[in-house]
Amino acid sequence: MEKGLKALIMERGEKPGKVRDIVELLGHAKRLGWQITLAMDDAVFLNSIYKGRCPAEEGLLPYGDPSKEDAARAVNTAGVFVANIKAVLQA
């Protein structure tokens, strides 16, 4: 998600910086005119589980370890997002 949003921002000639916040990157990409269908509540959800991806942050997830349902939602949301990125880049 992070890399996809950064790629869109860079495609518009801007540098996204060292931002890892999906909500912030999504807002930036949308301000640049990208028609992304990722809902803000999905971005907030992904941020809540995404922040624990670095080993230094292990065990620091705000709501504990993700459940199987959380994992399924994250994978599904990511799949929809990737399909959307492909579509907007081909348009």
N, C-alpha and C. Protein backbone atom coordinates (compact mmCIF):
# COMPACT_ATOMS: atom_id res chain seq x y z
N MET A 1 0.82 -1.18 0.00
CA MET A 1 0.00 0.00 0.00
C MET A 1 0.88 1.25 0.00
N GLU A 2 1.81 1.28 0.94
CA GLU A 2 2.68 2.45 1.05
C GLU A 2 3.42 2.70 -0.25
N LYS A 3 4.01 1.65 -0.79
CA LYS A 3 4.81 1.80 -2.02
C LYS A 3 3.94 2.18 -3.21
N GLY A 4 2.74 1.62 -3.28
CA GLY A 4 1.83 1.96 -4.38
C GLY A 4 1.43 3.42 -4.34
N LEU A 5 1.11 3.91 -3.15
CA LEU A 5 0.74 5.32 -3.03
C LEU A 5 1.92 6.23 -3.33
N LYS A 6 3.09 5.84 -2.87
CA LYS A 6 4.29 6.64 -3.17
C LYS A 6 4.57 6.66 -4.66
N ALA A 7 4.34 5.54 -5.34
CA ALA A 7 4.55 5.49 -6.79
C ALA A 7 3.62 6.46 -7.50
N LEU A 8 2.37 6.54 -7.07
CA LEU A 8 1.43 7.48 -7.68
C LEU A 8 1.87 8.92 -7.44
N ILE A 9 2.31 9.21 -6.25
CA ILE A 9 2.76 10.56 -5.93
C ILE A 9 3.96 10.92 -6.80
N MET A 10 4.89 9.99 -6.94
CA MET A 10 6.07 10.23 -7.77
C MET A 10 5.71 10.37 -9.24
N GLU A 11 4.67 9.67 -9.67
CA GLU A 11 4.21 9.76 -11.06
C GLU A 11 3.76 11.18 -11.40
N ARG A 12 3.33 11.92 -10.39
CA ARG A 12 2.91 13.32 -10.58
C ARG A 12 4.07 14.29 -10.36
N GLY A 13 5.28 13.75 -10.21
CA GLY A 13 6.47 14.60 -10.12
C GLY A 13 6.79 15.11 -8.73
N GLU A 14 6.19 14.55 -7.71
CA GLU A 14 6.48 14.98 -6.34
C GLU A 14 7.21 13.87 -5.60
N LYS A 15 7.88 14.25 -4.53
CA LYS A 15 8.57 13.29 -3.68
C LYS A 15 7.74 13.10 -2.41
N PRO A 16 7.39 11.86 -2.10
CA PRO A 16 6.55 11.62 -0.93
C PRO A 16 7.29 11.70 0.40
N GLY A 17 8.59 11.70 0.39
CA GLY A 17 9.37 11.76 1.62
C GLY A 17 9.37 10.41 2.33
N LYS A 18 9.75 10.42 3.59
CA LYS A 18 9.87 9.19 4.36
C LYS A 18 8.60 8.93 5.16
N VAL A 19 7.48 9.23 4.58
CA VAL A 19 6.19 9.03 5.23
C VAL A 19 5.80 7.56 5.09
N ARG A 20 5.29 6.97 6.17
CA ARG A 20 4.82 5.59 6.13
C ARG A 20 3.34 5.51 6.44
N ASP A 21 2.74 6.62 6.74
CA ASP A 21 1.34 6.67 7.13
C ASP A 21 0.44 6.55 5.89
N ILE A 22 -0.32 5.49 5.82
CA ILE A 22 -1.16 5.22 4.64
C ILE A 22 -2.23 6.30 4.47
N VAL A 23 -2.81 6.76 5.58
CA VAL A 23 -3.84 7.80 5.50
C VAL A 23 -3.25 9.08 4.90
N GLU A 24 -2.07 9.46 5.37
CA GLU A 24 -1.43 10.67 4.86
C GLU A 24 -1.07 10.52 3.38
N LEU A 25 -0.52 9.37 3.02
CA LEU A 25 -0.16 9.14 1.62
C LEU A 25 -1.41 9.10 0.73
N LEU A 26 -2.48 8.49 1.21
CA LEU A 26 -3.72 8.44 0.44
C LEU A 26 -4.26 9.85 0.19
N GLY A 27 -4.27 10.66 1.23
CA GLY A 27 -4.72 12.04 1.08
C GLY A 27 -3.87 12.81 0.08
N HIS A 28 -2.57 12.63 0.15
CA HIS A 28 -1.64 13.30 -0.77
C HIS A 28 -1.93 12.88 -2.21
N ALA A 29 -2.06 11.57 -2.42
CA ALA A 29 -2.33 11.07 -3.78
C ALA A 29 -3.65 11.59 -4.32
N LYS A 30 -4.66 11.64 -3.46
CA LYS A 30 -5.98 12.15 -3.91
C LYS A 30 -5.91 13.64 -4.22
N ARG A 31 -5.14 14.40 -3.43
CA ARG A 31 -4.98 15.83 -3.71
C ARG A 31 -4.30 16.06 -5.05
N LEU A 32 -3.48 15.10 -5.48
CA LEU A 32 -2.80 15.21 -6.77
C LEU A 32 -3.69 14.77 -7.93
N GLY A 33 -4.92 14.39 -7.62
CA GLY A 33 -5.87 14.06 -8.67
C GLY A 33 -6.09 12.59 -8.96
N TRP A 34 -5.42 11.71 -8.24
CA TRP A 34 -5.62 10.28 -8.47
C TRP A 34 -6.98 9.85 -7.93
N GLN A 35 -7.70 9.11 -8.74
CA GLN A 35 -9.02 8.60 -8.37
C GLN A 35 -8.85 7.22 -7.74
N ILE A 36 -8.57 7.20 -6.47
CA ILE A 36 -8.30 5.95 -5.75
C ILE A 36 -9.55 5.58 -4.97
N THR A 37 -9.95 4.31 -5.08
CA THR A 37 -11.19 3.87 -4.44
C THR A 37 -10.99 3.36 -3.02
N LEU A 38 -9.79 3.41 -2.49
CA LEU A 38 -9.55 2.97 -1.12
C LEU A 38 -10.28 3.90 -0.17
N ALA A 39 -11.21 3.34 0.59
CA ALA A 39 -11.99 4.14 1.54
C ALA A 39 -11.10 4.58 2.70
N MET A 40 -11.36 5.76 3.22
CA MET A 40 -10.55 6.27 4.31
C MET A 40 -10.61 5.37 5.54
N ASP A 41 -11.77 4.76 5.81
CA ASP A 41 -11.84 3.86 6.98
C ASP A 41 -10.98 2.61 6.77
N ASP A 42 -10.85 2.16 5.51
CA ASP A 42 -9.93 1.05 5.22
C ASP A 42 -8.48 1.48 5.41
N ALA A 43 -8.17 2.71 5.02
CA ALA A 43 -6.80 3.23 5.21
C ALA A 43 -6.47 3.34 6.69
N VAL A 44 -7.42 3.80 7.48
CA VAL A 44 -7.22 3.90 8.93
C VAL A 44 -7.02 2.51 9.52
N PHE A 45 -7.85 1.55 9.09
CA PHE A 45 -7.71 0.17 9.56
C PHE A 45 -6.34 -0.38 9.21
N LEU A 46 -5.92 -0.21 7.95
CA LEU A 46 -4.62 -0.72 7.52
C LEU A 46 -3.48 -0.07 8.31
N ASN A 47 -3.61 1.22 8.58
CA ASN A 47 -2.60 1.88 9.40
C ASN A 47 -2.49 1.23 10.77
N SER A 48 -3.63 0.83 11.33
CA SER A 48 -3.63 0.27 12.68
C SER A 48 -2.89 -1.06 12.76
N ILE A 49 -2.89 -1.83 11.67
CA ILE A 49 -2.16 -3.09 11.69
C ILE A 49 -0.81 -2.99 10.98
N TYR A 50 -0.65 -1.99 10.13
CA TYR A 50 0.55 -1.82 9.32
C TYR A 50 1.71 -1.30 10.15
N LYS A 51 1.43 -0.54 11.18
CA LYS A 51 2.49 0.08 11.96
C LYS A 51 3.40 -0.94 12.64
N GLY A 52 2.94 -2.16 12.81
CA GLY A 52 3.76 -3.17 13.46
C GLY A 52 4.61 -3.98 12.51
N ARG A 53 4.78 -3.53 11.28
CA ARG A 53 5.50 -4.32 10.30
C ARG A 53 7.01 -4.29 10.50
N CYS A 54 7.54 -3.31 11.19
CA CYS A 54 8.98 -3.21 11.41
C CYS A 54 9.35 -3.98 12.67
N PRO A 55 10.47 -4.72 12.64
CA PRO A 55 10.85 -5.50 13.83
C PRO A 55 10.97 -4.65 15.10
N ALA A 56 11.42 -3.41 14.97
CA ALA A 56 11.55 -2.55 16.14
C ALA A 56 10.21 -2.26 16.79
N GLU A 57 9.14 -2.38 16.01
CA GLU A 57 7.81 -2.08 16.52
C GLU A 57 7.04 -3.34 16.89
N GLU A 58 7.69 -4.49 16.84
CA GLU A 58 7.01 -5.75 17.12
C GLU A 58 6.34 -5.70 18.49
N GLY A 59 5.12 -6.12 18.52
CA GLY A 59 4.37 -6.12 19.78
C GLY A 59 3.76 -4.79 20.13
N LEU A 60 3.89 -3.80 19.26
CA LEU A 60 3.36 -2.47 19.56
C LEU A 60 2.08 -2.16 18.81
N LEU A 61 1.42 -3.16 18.26
CA LEU A 61 0.18 -2.91 17.55
C LEU A 61 -0.85 -2.33 18.52
N PRO A 62 -1.57 -1.31 18.09
CA PRO A 62 -2.45 -0.61 19.04
C PRO A 62 -3.58 -1.46 19.59
N TYR A 63 -4.01 -2.46 18.85
CA TYR A 63 -5.15 -3.28 19.30
C TYR A 63 -4.76 -4.73 19.49
N GLY A 64 -3.49 -5.00 19.73
CA GLY A 64 -3.03 -6.37 19.88
C GLY A 64 -2.75 -7.00 18.53
N ASP A 65 -2.45 -8.28 18.56
CA ASP A 65 -2.19 -9.00 17.31
C ASP A 65 -3.45 -9.03 16.44
N PRO A 66 -3.29 -8.87 15.13
CA PRO A 66 -4.45 -8.95 14.24
C PRO A 66 -5.09 -10.34 14.29
N SER A 67 -6.40 -10.37 14.22
CA SER A 67 -7.12 -11.64 14.17
C SER A 67 -7.10 -12.19 12.74
N LYS A 68 -7.61 -13.40 12.56
CA LYS A 68 -7.72 -13.95 11.21
C LYS A 68 -8.63 -13.08 10.36
N GLU A 69 -9.67 -12.54 10.97
CA GLU A 69 -10.60 -11.66 10.24
C GLU A 69 -9.88 -10.37 9.82
N ASP A 70 -9.04 -9.82 10.72
CA ASP A 70 -8.28 -8.63 10.38
C ASP A 70 -7.34 -8.92 9.22
N ALA A 71 -6.67 -10.07 9.27
CA ALA A 71 -5.75 -10.44 8.20
C ALA A 71 -6.48 -10.60 6.88
N ALA A 72 -7.65 -11.24 6.91
CA ALA A 72 -8.43 -11.42 5.69
C ALA A 72 -8.88 -10.08 5.13
N ARG A 73 -9.31 -9.18 6.01
CA ARG A 73 -9.74 -7.85 5.56
C ARG A 73 -8.57 -7.11 4.94
N ALA A 74 -7.40 -7.18 5.57
CA ALA A 74 -6.23 -6.48 5.06
C ALA A 74 -5.83 -7.02 3.69
N VAL A 75 -5.82 -8.32 3.53
CA VAL A 75 -5.45 -8.93 2.25
C VAL A 75 -6.47 -8.56 1.17
N ASN A 76 -7.75 -8.62 1.50
CA ASN A 76 -8.79 -8.26 0.54
C ASN A 76 -8.68 -6.79 0.13
N THR A 77 -8.49 -5.92 1.11
CA THR A 77 -8.36 -4.49 0.84
C THR A 77 -7.15 -4.22 -0.04
N ALA A 78 -6.04 -4.88 0.26
CA ALA A 78 -4.83 -4.71 -0.55
C ALA A 78 -5.06 -5.17 -1.99
N GLY A 79 -5.77 -6.27 -2.16
CA GLY A 79 -6.07 -6.76 -3.51
C GLY A 79 -6.90 -5.77 -4.30
N VAL A 80 -7.91 -5.21 -3.67
CA VAL A 80 -8.75 -4.20 -4.34
C VAL A 80 -7.91 -2.97 -4.67
N PHE A 81 -7.05 -2.57 -3.74
CA PHE A 81 -6.18 -1.42 -3.96
C PHE A 81 -5.25 -1.63 -5.14
N VAL A 82 -4.60 -2.78 -5.21
CA VAL A 82 -3.68 -3.07 -6.31
C VAL A 82 -4.42 -3.05 -7.65
N ALA A 83 -5.61 -3.63 -7.68
CA ALA A 83 -6.40 -3.60 -8.92
C ALA A 83 -6.74 -2.16 -9.31
N ASN A 84 -7.06 -1.33 -8.32
CA ASN A 84 -7.38 0.08 -8.58
C ASN A 84 -6.16 0.82 -9.11
N ILE A 85 -5.00 0.57 -8.52
CA ILE A 85 -3.76 1.22 -8.98
C ILE A 85 -3.49 0.86 -10.44
N LYS A 86 -3.63 -0.41 -10.77
CA LYS A 86 -3.42 -0.84 -12.16
C LYS A 86 -4.38 -0.13 -13.10
N ALA A 87 -5.63 -0.01 -12.68
CA ALA A 87 -6.64 0.62 -13.52
C ALA A 87 -6.34 2.10 -13.74
N VAL A 88 -5.96 2.83 -12.69
CA VAL A 88 -5.71 4.26 -12.87
C VAL A 88 -4.44 4.50 -13.67
N LEU A 89 -3.48 3.62 -13.58
CA LEU A 89 -2.26 3.79 -14.35
C LEU A 89 -2.46 3.46 -15.82
N GLN A 90 -3.43 2.61 -16.14
CA GLN A 90 -3.71 2.24 -17.53
C GLN A 90 -4.66 3.23 -18.19
N ALA A 91 -5.31 4.07 -17.40
CA ALA A 91 -6.30 5.02 -17.96
C ALA A 91 -5.62 6.14 -18.70
